[in-house]
């Protein structure tokens, strides 16, 4: 389970964000959707930045 822990967390966050954006009627639903959908994007951006500044070898 350790190997799949973080990908599952990101998948659940994405699902919550998408459902909140589709079914919510504003206010707190939009905030939850923005928050939940921004976390995977931040993780991707962090991985890209880390790979760019990683030393070869």
N, C-alpha and C. Protein backbone atom coordinates (compact mmCIF):
# COMPACT_ATOMS: atom_id res chain seq x y z
N UNK A 1 0.83 -1.21 0.00
CA UNK A 1 0.00 0.00 0.00
C UNK A 1 0.86 1.25 0.00
N UNK A 2 2.07 1.16 0.49
CA UNK A 2 2.93 2.33 0.59
C UNK A 2 3.20 2.93 -0.79
N UNK A 3 3.38 2.09 -1.76
CA UNK A 3 3.70 2.57 -3.10
C UNK A 3 2.55 3.40 -3.70
N UNK A 4 1.32 3.06 -3.39
CA UNK A 4 0.17 3.71 -3.99
C UNK A 4 -0.48 4.76 -3.10
N UNK A 5 0.11 5.06 -1.98
CA UNK A 5 -0.51 5.97 -1.02
C UNK A 5 -0.72 7.38 -1.61
N UNK A 6 0.33 8.02 -2.07
CA UNK A 6 0.20 9.40 -2.56
C UNK A 6 -0.55 9.52 -3.88
N UNK A 7 -0.36 8.62 -4.84
CA UNK A 7 -1.21 8.71 -6.04
C UNK A 7 -2.70 8.56 -5.73
N UNK A 8 -3.04 7.71 -4.78
CA UNK A 8 -4.45 7.58 -4.40
C UNK A 8 -4.97 8.84 -3.72
N UNK A 9 -4.15 9.46 -2.90
CA UNK A 9 -4.55 10.71 -2.26
C UNK A 9 -4.81 11.79 -3.32
N UNK A 10 -3.92 11.89 -4.30
CA UNK A 10 -4.11 12.88 -5.36
C UNK A 10 -5.34 12.56 -6.21
N UNK A 11 -5.60 11.29 -6.46
CA UNK A 11 -6.79 10.91 -7.22
C UNK A 11 -8.07 11.25 -6.47
N UNK A 12 -8.09 11.01 -5.17
CA UNK A 12 -9.27 11.33 -4.37
C UNK A 12 -9.48 12.84 -4.32
N UNK A 13 -8.41 13.60 -4.16
CA UNK A 13 -8.53 15.06 -4.16
C UNK A 13 -9.07 15.57 -5.50
N UNK A 14 -8.59 15.01 -6.59
CA UNK A 14 -9.07 15.41 -7.91
C UNK A 14 -10.54 15.08 -8.06
N UNK A 15 -10.93 13.90 -7.63
CA UNK A 15 -12.34 13.50 -7.71
C UNK A 15 -13.23 14.43 -6.89
N UNK A 16 -12.81 14.73 -5.67
CA UNK A 16 -13.58 15.64 -4.81
C UNK A 16 -13.70 17.01 -5.46
N UNK A 17 -12.61 17.50 -6.03
CA UNK A 17 -12.64 18.81 -6.69
C UNK A 17 -13.57 18.84 -7.89
N UNK A 18 -13.53 17.78 -8.69
CA UNK A 18 -14.40 17.74 -9.87
C UNK A 18 -15.87 17.63 -9.49
N UNK A 19 -16.18 16.79 -8.53
CA UNK A 19 -17.58 16.64 -8.10
C UNK A 19 -18.08 17.93 -7.47
N UNK A 20 -17.23 18.56 -6.68
CA UNK A 20 -17.63 19.82 -6.05
C UNK A 20 -17.88 20.90 -7.10
N UNK A 21 -17.05 20.94 -8.13
CA UNK A 21 -17.24 21.95 -9.17
C UNK A 21 -18.49 21.68 -10.00
N UNK A 22 -18.78 20.41 -10.23
CA UNK A 22 -19.94 20.08 -11.07
C UNK A 22 -21.27 20.18 -10.33
N UNK A 23 -21.29 19.82 -9.06
CA UNK A 23 -22.55 19.77 -8.33
C UNK A 23 -22.81 20.98 -7.44
N UNK A 24 -21.77 21.72 -7.12
CA UNK A 24 -21.93 22.86 -6.23
C UNK A 24 -22.54 24.06 -6.92
N UNK A 25 -23.19 24.89 -6.13
CA UNK A 25 -23.85 26.08 -6.66
C UNK A 25 -23.18 27.37 -6.22
N UNK A 26 -21.88 27.33 -5.95
CA UNK A 26 -21.18 28.55 -5.60
C UNK A 26 -20.58 28.49 -4.22
N UNK A 27 -20.05 29.64 -3.79
CA UNK A 27 -19.52 29.81 -2.45
C UNK A 27 -18.54 28.74 -2.01
N UNK A 28 -18.90 27.98 -0.99
CA UNK A 28 -17.96 27.00 -0.43
C UNK A 28 -17.61 25.88 -1.41
N UNK A 29 -18.55 25.52 -2.29
CA UNK A 29 -18.27 24.45 -3.25
C UNK A 29 -17.16 24.86 -4.21
N UNK A 30 -17.19 26.09 -4.67
CA UNK A 30 -16.14 26.56 -5.58
C UNK A 30 -14.79 26.64 -4.87
N UNK A 31 -14.80 27.07 -3.61
CA UNK A 31 -13.56 27.12 -2.84
C UNK A 31 -12.96 25.72 -2.68
N UNK A 32 -13.80 24.75 -2.35
CA UNK A 32 -13.33 23.37 -2.19
C UNK A 32 -12.81 22.84 -3.51
N UNK A 33 -13.50 23.14 -4.60
CA UNK A 33 -13.04 22.63 -5.90
C UNK A 33 -11.71 23.26 -6.30
N UNK A 34 -11.55 24.55 -6.11
CA UNK A 34 -10.27 25.20 -6.43
C UNK A 34 -9.15 24.65 -5.57
N UNK A 35 -9.41 24.49 -4.30
CA UNK A 35 -8.39 23.97 -3.39
C UNK A 35 -8.01 22.53 -3.76
N UNK A 36 -9.01 21.68 -3.96
CA UNK A 36 -8.75 20.28 -4.24
C UNK A 36 -8.09 20.08 -5.61
N UNK A 37 -8.43 20.89 -6.59
CA UNK A 37 -7.84 20.74 -7.92
C UNK A 37 -6.48 21.41 -8.04
N UNK A 38 -6.15 22.32 -7.14
CA UNK A 38 -4.85 22.97 -7.21
C UNK A 38 -3.74 22.13 -6.59
N UNK A 39 -4.07 21.25 -5.66
CA UNK A 39 -3.04 20.44 -5.00
C UNK A 39 -2.30 19.54 -5.99
N UNK A 40 -2.99 18.78 -6.86
CA UNK A 40 -2.25 17.97 -7.83
C UNK A 40 -1.39 18.81 -8.77
N UNK A 41 -1.87 19.98 -9.15
CA UNK A 41 -1.07 20.85 -10.02
C UNK A 41 0.18 21.35 -9.32
N UNK A 42 0.06 21.67 -8.04
CA UNK A 42 1.23 22.08 -7.27
C UNK A 42 2.24 20.94 -7.12
N UNK A 43 1.76 19.74 -6.95
CA UNK A 43 2.65 18.58 -6.86
C UNK A 43 3.38 18.37 -8.17
N UNK A 44 2.69 18.51 -9.29
CA UNK A 44 3.32 18.37 -10.61
C UNK A 44 4.37 19.46 -10.80
N UNK A 45 4.03 20.70 -10.47
CA UNK A 45 4.98 21.80 -10.62
C UNK A 45 6.22 21.58 -9.75
N UNK A 46 6.03 21.11 -8.53
CA UNK A 46 7.16 20.83 -7.65
C UNK A 46 8.05 19.73 -8.22
N UNK A 47 7.45 18.70 -8.78
CA UNK A 47 8.24 17.61 -9.38
C UNK A 47 9.04 18.10 -10.58
N UNK A 48 8.45 18.98 -11.39
CA UNK A 48 9.16 19.52 -12.55
C UNK A 48 10.33 20.38 -12.11
N UNK A 49 10.10 21.25 -11.14
CA UNK A 49 11.18 22.12 -10.65
C UNK A 49 12.30 21.30 -10.04
N UNK A 50 11.94 20.28 -9.26
CA UNK A 50 12.97 19.43 -8.67
C UNK A 50 13.77 18.69 -9.73
N UNK A 51 13.12 18.25 -10.80
CA UNK A 51 13.84 17.53 -11.85
C UNK A 51 14.76 18.47 -12.64
N UNK A 52 14.38 19.72 -12.75
CA UNK A 52 15.22 20.67 -13.49
C UNK A 52 16.49 21.01 -12.74
N UNK A 53 16.42 21.04 -11.41
CA UNK A 53 17.57 21.44 -10.61
C UNK A 53 18.32 20.26 -9.98
N UNK A 54 17.96 19.06 -10.40
CA UNK A 54 18.64 17.88 -9.88
C UNK A 54 19.99 17.72 -10.56
N UNK A 55 20.98 17.38 -9.79
CA UNK A 55 22.33 17.20 -10.33
C UNK A 55 22.42 15.84 -11.02
N UNK A 56 23.02 15.80 -12.19
CA UNK A 56 23.16 14.50 -12.86
C UNK A 56 24.19 13.63 -12.13
N UNK A 57 23.94 12.36 -12.15
CA UNK A 57 24.92 11.46 -11.56
C UNK A 57 24.34 10.68 -10.51
